[in-house]
């Protein structure tokens, strides 16, 4: 039997894609391989994505409020739509529930789902419910759309493009470390109250209730900028950069000193003796956007405080490099398959 670690995430997805039959319907423009599937809707492309969250793998109800979980579940799918330069329209939710959940718990979960639908201007239009023997399971499908002349894929980047990211990176991972630490303290002594100081609130919020960057989709459109390629940062900057470069047939150089990291992330990383760069590269769940633009287009973005240029694409797909301030150049590697990662 082949171990999943021997393939890695990129290899596994490619294996599934190669074994998938060619679409038989002319409306199917793109299937497996990007953030969403793409369909021909006349003047627009339709976008469809599905995410699954499993208790004990993707979330821990010891410290994740059900309302936040519902909101985050919708965010997962909306972020995929944003990564195609699109906007969400409708969402369906499938829920598997074990008998330990009372009706009030389901109400709380759907309160968060409805709050996310309001925030992202999305209609909740259906789904499914079933029993589960392994705790809570959530499946989210989000339908969106994008004008045909604005759609942005992963495979269309070009050498010399500027690599950009929105927001800051690594905060969600450090928020997870804080929550896991307090869980261990509680398990050792249930009388202890969690020590989540106000100055760490940003990190906890980034882990428990992240926001998809649909705002940046609107902003890029207002500026008249269509990225040459884009992907959302759900599995960490390293993994997403490798996806983009692999599918576009390019290499890349990014600079560690340019990666945007919040001050709270730096402080928490020091506390946990974790490199903040490692947290940004491999932590995941930031739900920011990684995108590329032509150098002339980037001139319109240089003064935007919410967008940071972190490097550039190169012609050699074998060279995807992290360049340090000290002058070292290290090949970027994604983490192997982990059951606790999406």
C-alpha atoms as a PDB file:
ATOM      1  CA  UNK A   1       0.000   0.000   0.000  1.00  0.00           C
ATOM      2  CA  UNK A   2       1.192   3.508  -0.827  1.00  0.00           C
ATOM      3  CA  UNK A   3       1.582   5.885   2.116  1.00  0.00           C
ATOM      4  CA  UNK A   4      -0.112   9.275   1.605  1.00  0.00           C
ATOM      5  CA  UNK A   5       3.027  11.020   2.834  1.00  0.00           C
ATOM      6  CA  UNK A   6       4.894   9.692  -0.202  1.00  0.00           C
ATOM      7  CA  UNK A   7       2.579  11.662  -2.480  1.00  0.00           C
ATOM      8  CA  UNK A   8       1.925  14.833  -0.535  1.00  0.00           C
ATOM      9  CA  UNK A   9      -1.162  16.951  -1.127  1.00  0.00           C
ATOM     10  CA  UNK A  10      -0.203  18.140  -4.613  1.00  0.00           C
ATOM     11  CA  UNK A  11       0.622  14.614  -5.741  1.00  0.00           C
ATOM     12  CA  UNK A  12      -2.622  13.184  -4.348  1.00  0.00           C
ATOM     13  CA  UNK A  13      -4.772  15.814  -6.064  1.00  0.00           C
ATOM     14  CA  UNK A  14      -2.948  15.230  -9.345  1.00  0.00           C
ATOM     15  CA  UNK A  15      -3.450  11.462  -9.002  1.00  0.00           C
ATOM     16  CA  UNK A  16      -7.203  11.933  -8.529  1.00  0.00           C
ATOM     17  CA  UNK A  17      -7.396  14.456 -11.383  1.00  0.00           C
ATOM     18  CA  UNK A  18      -5.645  12.161 -13.848  1.00  0.00           C
ATOM     19  CA  UNK A  19      -8.051   9.317 -13.042  1.00  0.00           C
ATOM     20  CA  UNK A  20     -11.127  11.517 -13.473  1.00  0.00           C
ATOM     21  CA  UNK A  21     -12.972  11.188 -16.821  1.00  0.00           C
ATOM     22  CA  UNK A  22     -13.021  14.121 -19.224  1.00  0.00           C
ATOM     23  CA  UNK A  23     -16.212  16.207 -18.716  1.00  0.00           C
ATOM     24  CA  UNK A  24     -19.036  15.179 -21.048  1.00  0.00           C
ATOM     25  CA  UNK A  25     -21.078  18.401 -20.732  1.00  0.00           C
ATOM     26  CA  UNK A  26     -20.013  21.469 -22.694  1.00  0.00           C
ATOM     27  CA  UNK A  27     -21.037  23.697 -19.770  1.00  0.00           C
ATOM     28  CA  UNK A  28     -18.259  22.209 -17.621  1.00  0.00           C
ATOM     29  CA  UNK A  29     -15.254  24.482 -18.181  1.00  0.00           C
ATOM     30  CA  UNK A  30     -12.996  23.264 -15.368  1.00  0.00           C
ATOM     31  CA  UNK A  31     -13.217  20.402 -12.896  1.00  0.00           C
ATOM     32  CA  UNK A  32     -10.581  19.251 -10.400  1.00  0.00           C
ATOM     33  CA  UNK A  33      -7.452  21.331  -9.988  1.00  0.00           C
ATOM     34  CA  UNK A  34      -8.362  24.853  -8.882  1.00  0.00           C
ATOM     35  CA  UNK A  35     -10.131  26.461  -5.932  1.00  0.00           C
ATOM     36  CA  UNK A  36     -13.524  25.814  -7.563  1.00  0.00           C
ATOM     37  CA  UNK A  37     -15.135  24.069 -10.484  1.00  0.00           C
ATOM     38  CA  UNK A  38     -16.133  26.405 -13.329  1.00  0.00           C
ATOM     39  CA  UNK A  39     -19.307  26.314 -15.448  1.00  0.00           C
ATOM     40  CA  UNK A  40     -20.496  28.332 -18.449  1.00  0.00           C
ATOM     41  CA  UNK A  41     -23.448  30.530 -17.501  1.00  0.00           C
ATOM     42  CA  UNK A  42     -23.581  32.737 -20.584  1.00  0.00           C
ATOM     43  CA  UNK A  43     -22.165  36.173 -19.659  1.00  0.00           C
ATOM     44  CA  UNK A  44     -20.740  34.805 -16.403  1.00  0.00           C
ATOM     45  CA  UNK A  45     -18.936  31.726 -15.195  1.00  0.00           C
ATOM     46  CA  UNK A  46     -20.551  29.786 -12.376  1.00  0.00           C
ATOM     47  CA  UNK A  47     -18.255  28.661  -9.555  1.00  0.00           C
ATOM     48  CA  UNK A  48     -18.797  25.719  -7.199  1.00  0.00           C
ATOM     49  CA  UNK A  49     -16.720  24.532  -4.249  1.00  0.00           C
ATOM     50  CA  UNK A  50     -17.207  21.998  -1.455  1.00  0.00           C
ATOM     51  CA  UNK A  51     -15.427  21.740   1.892  1.00  0.00           C
ATOM     52  CA  UNK A  52     -15.787  19.153   4.644  1.00  0.00           C
ATOM     53  CA  UNK A  53     -15.015  19.674   8.335  1.00  0.00           C
ATOM     54  CA  UNK A  54     -14.710  16.715  10.708  1.00  0.00           C
ATOM     55  CA  UNK A  55     -14.695  16.984  14.494  1.00  0.00           C
ATOM     56  CA  UNK A  56     -11.330  15.982  15.948  1.00  0.00           C
ATOM     57  CA  UNK A  57      -9.606  16.650  12.618  1.00  0.00           C
ATOM     58  CA  UNK A  58     -10.510  20.207  11.628  1.00  0.00           C
ATOM     59  CA  UNK A  59     -11.941  21.537  14.879  1.00  0.00           C
ATOM     60  CA  UNK A  60     -12.043  20.826  18.599  1.00  0.00           C
ATOM     61  CA  UNK A  61     -15.291  21.673  20.401  1.00  0.00           C
ATOM     62  CA  UNK A  62     -13.378  21.974  23.667  1.00  0.00           C
ATOM     63  CA  UNK A  63     -12.576  25.550  22.675  1.00  0.00           C
ATOM     64  CA  UNK A  64     -14.438  26.214  19.398  1.00  0.00           C
ATOM     65  CA  UNK A  65     -17.897  27.758  20.007  1.00  0.00           C
ATOM     66  CA  UNK A  66     -20.510  26.279  17.697  1.00  0.00           C
ATOM     67  CA  UNK A  67     -21.571  29.740  16.520  1.00  0.00           C
ATOM     68  CA  UNK A  68     -18.006  30.525  15.429  1.00  0.00           C
ATOM     69  CA  UNK A  69     -17.727  27.104  13.802  1.00  0.00           C
ATOM     70  CA  UNK A  70     -20.813  27.753  11.697  1.00  0.00           C
ATOM     71  CA  UNK A  71     -19.436  31.086  10.566  1.00  0.00           C
ATOM     72  CA  UNK A  72     -16.022  29.615   9.774  1.00  0.00           C
ATOM     73  CA  UNK A  73     -17.527  26.748   7.793  1.00  0.00           C
ATOM     74  CA  UNK A  74     -19.159  29.186   5.373  1.00  0.00           C
ATOM     75  CA  UNK A  75     -15.949  31.238   5.238  1.00  0.00           C
ATOM     76  CA  UNK A  76     -14.051  28.191   3.934  1.00  0.00           C
ATOM     77  CA  UNK A  77     -16.182  28.003   0.807  1.00  0.00           C
ATOM     78  CA  UNK A  78     -16.535  31.738   0.275  1.00  0.00           C
ATOM     79  CA  UNK A  79     -12.746  32.073   0.381  1.00  0.00           C
ATOM     80  CA  UNK A  80     -12.479  29.564  -2.498  1.00  0.00           C
ATOM     81  CA  UNK A  81     -14.916  31.635  -4.558  1.00  0.00           C
ATOM     82  CA  UNK A  82     -12.908  34.791  -3.828  1.00  0.00           C
ATOM     83  CA  UNK A  83      -9.753  33.004  -5.002  1.00  0.00           C
ATOM     84  CA  UNK A  84     -11.326  32.735  -8.473  1.00  0.00           C
ATOM     85  CA  UNK A  85     -11.963  36.504  -8.399  1.00  0.00           C
ATOM     86  CA  UNK A  86     -15.641  35.725  -7.927  1.00  0.00           C
ATOM     87  CA  UNK A  87     -18.388  36.542  -5.444  1.00  0.00           C
ATOM     88  CA  UNK A  88     -20.603  34.012  -3.613  1.00  0.00           C
ATOM     89  CA  UNK A  89     -24.328  33.686  -4.231  1.00  0.00           C
ATOM     90  CA  UNK A  90     -25.714  30.616  -2.460  1.00  0.00           C
ATOM     91  CA  UNK A  91     -24.631  28.025   0.094  1.00  0.00           C
ATOM     92  CA  UNK A  92     -25.838  24.578   1.107  1.00  0.00           C
ATOM     93  CA  UNK A  93     -24.900  22.894   4.373  1.00  0.00           C
ATOM     94  CA  UNK A  94     -24.775  19.183   5.145  1.00  0.00           C
ATOM     95  CA  UNK A  95     -24.512  18.206   8.807  1.00  0.00           C
ATOM     96  CA  UNK A  96     -23.798  14.839  10.423  1.00  0.00           C
ATOM     97  CA  UNK A  97     -24.758  14.821  14.117  1.00  0.00           C
ATOM     98  CA  UNK A  98     -24.196  12.345  16.908  1.00  0.00           C
ATOM     99  CA  UNK A  99     -26.799  11.848  19.625  1.00  0.00           C
ATOM    100  CA  UNK A 100     -24.815  13.914  22.131  1.00  0.00           C
ATOM    101  CA  UNK A 101     -25.867  17.177  20.447  1.00  0.00           C
ATOM    102  CA  UNK A 102     -29.103  18.724  21.728  1.00  0.00           C
ATOM    103  CA  UNK A 103     -31.369  20.799  19.490  1.00  0.00           C
ATOM    104  CA  UNK A 104     -29.987  23.977  21.080  1.00  0.00           C
ATOM    105  CA  UNK A 105     -26.486  23.095  19.881  1.00  0.00           C
ATOM    106  CA  UNK A 106     -27.753  22.808  16.312  1.00  0.00           C
ATOM    107  CA  UNK A 107     -29.487  26.176  16.724  1.00  0.00           C
ATOM    108  CA  UNK A 108     -26.185  27.723  17.805  1.00  0.00           C
ATOM    109  CA  UNK A 109     -24.316  26.230  14.846  1.00  0.00           C
ATOM    110  CA  UNK A 110     -26.878  27.576  12.380  1.00  0.00           C
ATOM    111  CA  UNK A 111     -26.869  30.969  14.080  1.00  0.00           C
ATOM    112  CA  UNK A 112     -23.226  31.247  13.030  1.00  0.00           C
ATOM    113  CA  UNK A 113     -24.026  29.961   9.527  1.00  0.00           C
ATOM    114  CA  UNK A 114     -26.748  32.581   9.110  1.00  0.00           C
ATOM    115  CA  UNK A 115     -24.446  35.328  10.405  1.00  0.00           C
ATOM    116  CA  UNK A 116     -21.862  34.394   7.762  1.00  0.00           C
ATOM    117  CA  UNK A 117     -24.508  34.333   5.045  1.00  0.00           C
ATOM    118  CA  UNK A 118     -25.529  37.861   6.040  1.00  0.00           C
ATOM    119  CA  UNK A 119     -21.910  39.056   6.136  1.00  0.00           C
ATOM    120  CA  UNK A 120     -21.100  37.625   2.689  1.00  0.00           C
ATOM    121  CA  UNK A 121     -24.484  38.445   1.107  1.00  0.00           C
ATOM    122  CA  UNK A 122     -25.185  34.759   0.468  1.00  0.00           C
ATOM    123  CA  UNK A 123     -28.460  32.803   0.472  1.00  0.00           C
ATOM    124  CA  UNK A 124     -28.670  29.600   2.503  1.00  0.00           C
ATOM    125  CA  UNK A 125     -30.702  27.461   0.093  1.00  0.00           C
ATOM    126  CA  UNK A 126     -30.587  23.903   1.420  1.00  0.00           C
ATOM    127  CA  UNK A 127     -28.453  20.967   2.478  1.00  0.00           C
ATOM    128  CA  UNK A 128     -28.868  17.694   4.341  1.00  0.00           C
ATOM    129  CA  UNK A 129     -28.830  16.272   7.854  1.00  0.00           C
ATOM    130  CA  UNK A 130     -27.874  12.780   8.942  1.00  0.00           C
ATOM    131  CA  UNK A 131     -26.727  10.878  12.005  1.00  0.00           C
ATOM    132  CA  UNK A 132     -23.044  10.389  12.777  1.00  0.00           C
ATOM    133  CA  UNK A 133     -21.178   7.930  14.979  1.00  0.00           C
ATOM    134  CA  UNK A 134     -18.034  10.073  15.093  1.00  0.00           C
ATOM    135  CA  UNK A 135     -19.188  13.444  16.344  1.00  0.00           C
ATOM    136  CA  UNK A 136     -19.980  16.488  14.237  1.00  0.00           C
ATOM    137  CA  UNK A 137     -19.355  16.550  10.477  1.00  0.00           C
ATOM    138  CA  UNK A 138     -20.093  19.604   8.310  1.00  0.00           C
ATOM    139  CA  UNK A 139     -20.098  19.728   4.517  1.00  0.00           C
ATOM    140  CA  UNK A 140     -20.357  23.149   2.879  1.00  0.00           C
ATOM    141  CA  UNK A 141     -20.967  23.850  -0.802  1.00  0.00           C
ATOM    142  CA  UNK A 142     -20.827  27.439  -2.057  1.00  0.00           C
ATOM    143  CA  UNK A 143     -22.016  28.605  -5.454  1.00  0.00           C
ATOM    144  CA  UNK A 144     -20.668  31.843  -6.892  1.00  0.00           C
ATOM    145  CA  UNK A 145     -20.161  33.676 -10.140  1.00  0.00           C
ATOM    146  CA  UNK A 146     -17.638  35.854 -11.929  1.00  0.00           C
ATOM    147  CA  UNK A 147     -17.755  37.782 -15.226  1.00  0.00           C
ATOM    148  CA  UNK A 148     -15.950  35.774 -17.879  1.00  0.00           C
ATOM    149  CA  UNK A 149     -13.385  38.509 -18.481  1.00  0.00           C
ATOM    150  CA  UNK A 150     -12.444  38.619 -14.776  1.00  0.00           C
ATOM    151  CA  UNK A 151     -12.068  34.948 -13.836  1.00  0.00           C
ATOM    152  CA  UNK A 152      -8.678  34.159 -12.319  1.00  0.00           C
ATOM    153  CA  UNK A 153      -7.147  30.673 -12.249  1.00  0.00           C
ATOM    154  CA  UNK A 154      -4.079  29.177 -10.584  1.00  0.00           C
ATOM    155  CA  UNK A 155      -2.451  28.097 -13.845  1.00  0.00           C
ATOM    156  CA  UNK A 156      -2.151  31.447 -15.651  1.00  0.00           C
ATOM    157  CA  UNK A 157       0.737  33.146 -13.824  1.00  0.00           C
ATOM    158  CA  UNK A 158       3.786  34.252 -15.822  1.00  0.00           C
ATOM    159  CA  UNK A 159       7.511  34.740 -15.121  1.00  0.00           C
ATOM    160  CA  UNK A 160       8.295  38.219 -13.753  1.00  0.00           C
ATOM    161  CA  UNK A 161       4.831  38.571 -12.210  1.00  0.00           C
ATOM    162  CA  UNK A 162       4.854  40.210  -8.776  1.00  0.00           C
ATOM    163  CA  UNK A 163       3.714  37.856  -5.975  1.00  0.00           C
ATOM    164  CA  UNK A 164       1.304  39.561  -3.564  1.00  0.00           C
ATOM    165  CA  UNK A 165      -0.595  38.603  -0.433  1.00  0.00           C
ATOM    166  CA  UNK A 166      -3.444  40.312   1.369  1.00  0.00           C
ATOM    167  CA  UNK A 167      -3.487  40.984   5.117  1.00  0.00           C
ATOM    168  CA  UNK A 168      -1.009  39.196   7.369  1.00  0.00           C
ATOM    169  CA  UNK A 169      -0.007  35.570   7.814  1.00  0.00           C
ATOM    170  CA  UNK A 170       0.638  33.119  10.655  1.00  0.00           C
ATOM    171  CA  UNK A 171      -1.822  34.592  13.151  1.00  0.00           C
ATOM    172  CA  UNK A 172      -4.366  31.767  12.884  1.00  0.00           C
ATOM    173  CA  UNK A 173      -1.694  29.161  13.612  1.00  0.00           C
ATOM    174  CA  UNK A 174      -0.499  31.009  16.720  1.00  0.00           C
ATOM    175  CA  UNK A 175      -4.112  31.414  17.804  1.00  0.00           C
ATOM    176  CA  UNK A 176      -4.440  27.634  17.585  1.00  0.00           C
ATOM    177  CA  UNK A 177      -1.336  27.184  19.738  1.00  0.00           C
ATOM    178  CA  UNK A 178      -2.819  29.475  22.407  1.00  0.00           C
ATOM    179  CA  UNK A 179      -6.111  27.583  22.431  1.00  0.00           C
ATOM    180  CA  UNK A 180      -4.407  24.189  22.555  1.00  0.00           C
ATOM    181  CA  UNK A 181      -2.227  25.316  25.455  1.00  0.00           C
ATOM    182  CA  UNK A 182      -5.223  26.488  27.458  1.00  0.00           C
ATOM    183  CA  UNK A 183      -7.013  23.221  26.704  1.00  0.00           C
ATOM    184  CA  UNK A 184      -4.126  21.268  28.233  1.00  0.00           C
ATOM    185  CA  UNK A 185      -4.174  23.516  31.304  1.00  0.00           C
ATOM    186  CA  UNK A 186      -7.915  22.934  31.693  1.00  0.00           C
ATOM    187  CA  UNK A 187      -7.570  19.167  31.315  1.00  0.00           C
ATOM    188  CA  UNK A 188      -4.913  19.150  34.014  1.00  0.00           C
ATOM    189  CA  UNK A 189      -6.995  21.343  36.342  1.00  0.00           C
ATOM    190  CA  UNK A 190     -10.650  22.052  35.381  1.00  0.00           C
ATOM    191  CA  UNK A 191     -10.831  24.808  38.023  1.00  0.00           C
ATOM    192  CA  UNK A 192      -8.357  26.951  36.065  1.00  0.00           C
ATOM    193  CA  UNK A 193      -9.725  29.776  33.944  1.00  0.00           C
ATOM    194  CA  UNK A 194      -8.290  30.258  30.429  1.00  0.00           C
ATOM    195  CA  UNK A 195      -5.468  32.787  30.216  1.00  0.00           C
ATOM    196  CA  UNK A 196      -6.306  34.467  26.915  1.00  0.00           C
ATOM    197  CA  UNK A 197      -5.224  38.044  27.493  1.00  0.00           C
ATOM    198  CA  UNK A 198      -6.713  40.916  25.514  1.00  0.00           C
ATOM    199  CA  UNK A 199      -3.476  41.473  23.615  1.00  0.00           C
ATOM    200  CA  UNK A 200      -3.873  37.953  22.171  1.00  0.00           C
ATOM    201  CA  UNK A 201      -7.486  38.502  21.056  1.00  0.00           C
ATOM    202  CA  UNK A 202      -6.505  39.074  17.432  1.00  0.00           C
ATOM    203  CA  UNK A 203      -4.782  35.695  17.199  1.00  0.00           C
ATOM    204  CA  UNK A 204      -7.726  33.840  18.733  1.00  0.00           C
ATOM    205  CA  UNK A 205     -10.165  35.648  16.436  1.00  0.00           C
ATOM    206  CA  UNK A 206      -8.091  34.726  13.380  1.00  0.00           C
ATOM    207  CA  UNK A 207      -8.309  31.058  14.355  1.00  0.00           C
ATOM    208  CA  UNK A 208     -11.927  30.873  15.519  1.00  0.00           C
ATOM    209  CA  UNK A 209     -13.647  33.323  13.154  1.00  0.00           C
ATOM    210  CA  UNK A 210     -11.591  34.223  10.085  1.00  0.00           C
ATOM    211  CA  UNK A 211     -13.048  36.314   7.280  1.00  0.00           C
ATOM    212  CA  UNK A 212     -12.850  35.529   3.568  1.00  0.00           C
ATOM    213  CA  UNK A 213     -11.382  38.393   1.548  1.00  0.00           C
ATOM    214  CA  UNK A 214     -14.326  39.205  -0.700  1.00  0.00           C
ATOM    215  CA  UNK A 215     -13.513  42.845   0.094  1.00  0.00           C
ATOM    216  CA  UNK A 216     -10.288  42.509  -1.886  1.00  0.00           C
ATOM    217  CA  UNK A 217     -12.182  41.111  -4.875  1.00  0.00           C
ATOM    218  CA  UNK A 218     -14.247  44.305  -4.939  1.00  0.00           C
ATOM    219  CA  UNK A 219     -11.135  46.441  -4.431  1.00  0.00           C
ATOM    220  CA  UNK A 220      -9.172  44.824  -7.264  1.00  0.00           C
ATOM    221  CA  UNK A 221     -12.146  45.252  -9.586  1.00  0.00           C
ATOM    222  CA  UNK A 222     -12.475  48.927  -8.630  1.00  0.00           C
ATOM    223  CA  UNK A 223      -8.799  49.420  -9.508  1.00  0.00           C
ATOM    224  CA  UNK A 224      -9.264  47.687 -12.841  1.00  0.00           C
ATOM    225  CA  UNK A 225      -6.805  44.925 -11.903  1.00  0.00           C
ATOM    226  CA  UNK A 226      -7.302  41.310 -12.883  1.00  0.00           C
ATOM    227  CA  UNK A 227      -4.637  39.131 -11.207  1.00  0.00           C
ATOM    228  CA  UNK A 228      -2.761  36.815 -13.541  1.00  0.00           C
ATOM    229  CA  UNK A 229      -3.308  33.998 -11.011  1.00  0.00           C
ATOM    230  CA  UNK A 230      -4.786  33.639  -7.529  1.00  0.00           C
ATOM    231  CA  UNK A 231      -5.322  31.102  -4.733  1.00  0.00           C
ATOM    232  CA  UNK A 232      -6.536  31.404  -1.146  1.00  0.00           C
ATOM    233  CA  UNK A 233      -4.194  30.708   1.759  1.00  0.00           C
ATOM    234  CA  UNK A 234      -5.877  27.908   3.674  1.00  0.00           C
ATOM    235  CA  UNK A 235      -2.972  25.455   4.015  1.00  0.00           C
ATOM    236  CA  UNK A 236      -0.112  27.909   4.524  1.00  0.00           C
ATOM    237  CA  UNK A 237       1.809  30.199   2.175  1.00  0.00           C
ATOM    238  CA  UNK A 238       4.332  27.516   1.163  1.00  0.00           C
ATOM    239  CA  UNK A 239       1.726  24.996   0.052  1.00  0.00           C
ATOM    240  CA  UNK A 240      -0.327  27.564  -1.858  1.00  0.00           C
ATOM    241  CA  UNK A 241       2.724  29.044  -3.606  1.00  0.00           C
ATOM    242  CA  UNK A 242       3.747  25.548  -4.695  1.00  0.00           C
ATOM    243  CA  UNK A 243       0.247  24.895  -6.047  1.00  0.00           C
ATOM    244  CA  UNK A 244       0.296  28.129  -8.045  1.00  0.00           C
ATOM    245  CA  UNK A 245       3.812  27.606  -9.414  1.00  0.00           C
ATOM    246  CA  UNK A 246       3.230  23.928 -10.184  1.00  0.00           C
ATOM    247  CA  UNK A 247       0.105  24.654 -12.194  1.00  0.00           C
ATOM    248  CA  UNK A 248       1.538  27.722 -13.935  1.00  0.00           C
ATOM    249  CA  UNK A 249       4.871  26.071 -14.741  1.00  0.00           C
ATOM    250  CA  UNK A 250       6.906  28.786 -13.030  1.00  0.00           C
ATOM    251  CA  UNK A 251       9.429  29.140 -10.243  1.00  0.00           C
ATOM    252  CA  UNK A 252       9.408  31.815  -7.572  1.00  0.00           C
ATOM    253  CA  UNK A 253      11.541  33.828  -5.201  1.00  0.00           C
ATOM    254  CA  UNK A 254       9.944  35.248  -2.068  1.00  0.00           C
ATOM    255  CA  UNK A 255      11.697  37.310   0.600  1.00  0.00           C
ATOM    256  CA  UNK A 256      11.241  36.450   4.258  1.00  0.00           C
ATOM    257  CA  UNK A 257      11.507  40.087   5.342  1.00  0.00           C
ATOM    258  CA  UNK A 258       8.567  40.993   3.067  1.00  0.00           C
ATOM    259  CA  UNK A 259       6.111  38.409   4.440  1.00  0.00           C
ATOM    260  CA  UNK A 260       3.499  40.412   6.421  1.00  0.00           C
ATOM    261  CA  UNK A 261       3.322  39.225  10.029  1.00  0.00           C
ATOM    262  CA  UNK A 262       1.365  40.999  12.766  1.00  0.00           C
ATOM    263  CA  UNK A 263       3.134  42.156  15.946  1.00  0.00           C
ATOM    264  CA  UNK A 264       0.952  39.838  18.066  1.00  0.00           C
ATOM    265  CA  UNK A 265       2.051  36.917  15.901  1.00  0.00           C
ATOM    266  CA  UNK A 266       5.702  37.821  16.452  1.00  0.00           C
ATOM    267  CA  UNK A 267       5.203  38.014  20.224  1.00  0.00           C
ATOM    268  CA  UNK A 268       3.300  34.738  20.448  1.00  0.00           C
ATOM    269  CA  UNK A 269       5.812  32.982  18.191  1.00  0.00           C
ATOM    270  CA  UNK A 270       8.583  34.059  20.528  1.00  0.00           C
ATOM    271  CA  UNK A 271       6.577  32.781  23.511  1.00  0.00           C
ATOM    272  CA  UNK A 272       6.068  29.378  21.869  1.00  0.00           C
ATOM    273  CA  UNK A 273       9.620  29.312  20.470  1.00  0.00           C
ATOM    274  CA  UNK A 274       8.265  29.060  16.931  1.00  0.00           C
ATOM    275  CA  UNK A 275       9.695  30.956  13.988  1.00  0.00           C
ATOM    276  CA  UNK A 276       7.042  33.450  12.808  1.00  0.00           C
ATOM    277  CA  UNK A 277       8.195  32.774   9.245  1.00  0.00           C
ATOM    278  CA  UNK A 278       7.520  29.062   9.765  1.00  0.00           C
ATOM    279  CA  UNK A 279       4.048  29.900  11.097  1.00  0.00           C
ATOM    280  CA  UNK A 280       3.353  32.053   8.020  1.00  0.00           C
ATOM    281  CA  UNK A 281       4.699  29.474   5.576  1.00  0.00           C
ATOM    282  CA  UNK A 282       3.121  26.344   7.046  1.00  0.00           C
ATOM    283  CA  UNK A 283       0.499  27.327   9.621  1.00  0.00           C
ATOM    284  CA  UNK A 284      -2.560  27.672   7.405  1.00  0.00           C
ATOM    285  CA  UNK A 285      -6.127  28.902   8.003  1.00  0.00           C
ATOM    286  CA  UNK A 286      -5.322  32.568   7.412  1.00  0.00           C
ATOM    287  CA  UNK A 287      -7.792  32.712   4.495  1.00  0.00           C
ATOM    288  CA  UNK A 288      -5.920  35.559   2.867  1.00  0.00           C
ATOM    289  CA  UNK A 289      -5.357  35.710  -0.896  1.00  0.00           C
ATOM    290  CA  UNK A 290      -2.101  34.929  -2.684  1.00  0.00           C
ATOM    291  CA  UNK A 291      -2.108  36.424  -6.167  1.00  0.00           C
ATOM    292  CA  UNK A 292       0.187  37.553  -8.965  1.00  0.00           C
ATOM    293  CA  UNK A 293       0.059  40.641 -11.163  1.00  0.00           C
ATOM    294  CA  UNK A 294       2.132  42.051 -13.983  1.00  0.00           C
ATOM    295  CA  UNK A 295       4.736  44.595 -12.770  1.00  0.00           C
ATOM    296  CA  UNK A 296       2.917  47.516 -14.414  1.00  0.00           C
ATOM    297  CA  UNK A 297      -0.353  46.544 -12.698  1.00  0.00           C
ATOM    298  CA  UNK A 298       1.372  46.413  -9.310  1.00  0.00           C
ATOM    299  CA  UNK A 299       2.068  50.142  -9.562  1.00  0.00           C
ATOM    300  CA  UNK A 300      -1.610  50.662  -8.695  1.00  0.00           C
ATOM    301  CA  UNK A 301      -1.216  48.550  -5.547  1.00  0.00           C
ATOM    302  CA  UNK A 302       2.047  49.847  -4.106  1.00  0.00           C
ATOM    303  CA  UNK A 303       0.356  52.248  -1.687  1.00  0.00           C
ATOM    304  CA  UNK A 304      -2.329  49.773  -0.550  1.00  0.00           C
ATOM    305  CA  UNK A 305      -1.516  48.910   3.082  1.00  0.00           C
ATOM    306  CA  UNK A 306      -3.555  45.674   2.910  1.00  0.00           C
ATOM    307  CA  UNK A 307      -1.560  44.213   0.015  1.00  0.00           C
ATOM    308  CA  UNK A 308       2.116  43.263   0.235  1.00  0.00           C
ATOM    309  CA  UNK A 309       4.531  42.280  -2.527  1.00  0.00           C
ATOM    310  CA  UNK A 310       6.573  39.338  -1.243  1.00  0.00           C
ATOM    311  CA  UNK A 311       8.522  38.275  -4.334  1.00  0.00           C
ATOM    312  CA  UNK A 312       8.348  37.473  -8.029  1.00  0.00           C
ATOM    313  CA  UNK A 313       7.900  34.524 -10.389  1.00  0.00           C
ATOM    314  CA  UNK A 314      10.763  33.046 -12.387  1.00  0.00           C
ATOM    315  CA  UNK A 315      10.927  30.826 -15.493  1.00  0.00           C
ATOM    316  CA  UNK A 316      12.454  27.789 -13.734  1.00  0.00           C
ATOM    317  CA  UNK A 317       9.712  25.638 -12.150  1.00  0.00           C
ATOM    318  CA  UNK A 318      12.331  23.659 -10.222  1.00  0.00           C
ATOM    319  CA  UNK A 319      13.403  26.719  -8.232  1.00  0.00           C
ATOM    320  CA  UNK A 320      10.837  27.921  -5.669  1.00  0.00           C
ATOM    321  CA  UNK A 321      12.980  29.777  -3.198  1.00  0.00           C
ATOM    322  CA  UNK A 322      12.765  31.579   0.140  1.00  0.00           C
ATOM    323  CA  UNK A 323      15.430  34.280   0.205  1.00  0.00           C
ATOM    324  CA  UNK A 324      16.445  35.424   3.696  1.00  0.00           C
ATOM    325  CA  UNK A 325      17.654  38.800   4.849  1.00  0.00           C
ATOM    326  CA  UNK A 326      20.996  37.145   5.607  1.00  0.00           C
ATOM    327  CA  UNK A 327      21.351  36.211   1.939  1.00  0.00           C
ATOM    328  CA  UNK A 328      20.504  32.501   2.219  1.00  0.00           C
ATOM    329  CA  UNK A 329      18.288  30.867  -0.376  1.00  0.00           C
ATOM    330  CA  UNK A 330      16.248  27.867   0.790  1.00  0.00           C
ATOM    331  CA  UNK A 331      13.977  25.694  -1.384  1.00  0.00           C
ATOM    332  CA  UNK A 332      10.367  25.968  -0.246  1.00  0.00           C
ATOM    333  CA  UNK A 333       8.749  22.684   0.739  1.00  0.00           C
ATOM    334  CA  UNK A 334       5.136  22.038   1.638  1.00  0.00           C
ATOM    335  CA  UNK A 335       4.220  19.897   4.601  1.00  0.00           C
ATOM    336  CA  UNK A 336       3.401  16.266   3.837  1.00  0.00           C
ATOM    337  CA  UNK A 337      -0.049  14.770   4.197  1.00  0.00           C
ATOM    338  CA  UNK A 338      -1.446  15.290   7.685  1.00  0.00           C
ATOM    339  CA  UNK A 339      -4.823  14.038   8.817  1.00  0.00           C
ATOM    340  CA  UNK A 340      -5.315  17.231  10.813  1.00  0.00           C
ATOM    341  CA  UNK A 341      -4.826  19.474   7.806  1.00  0.00           C
ATOM    342  CA  UNK A 342      -7.316  20.330   5.141  1.00  0.00           C
END
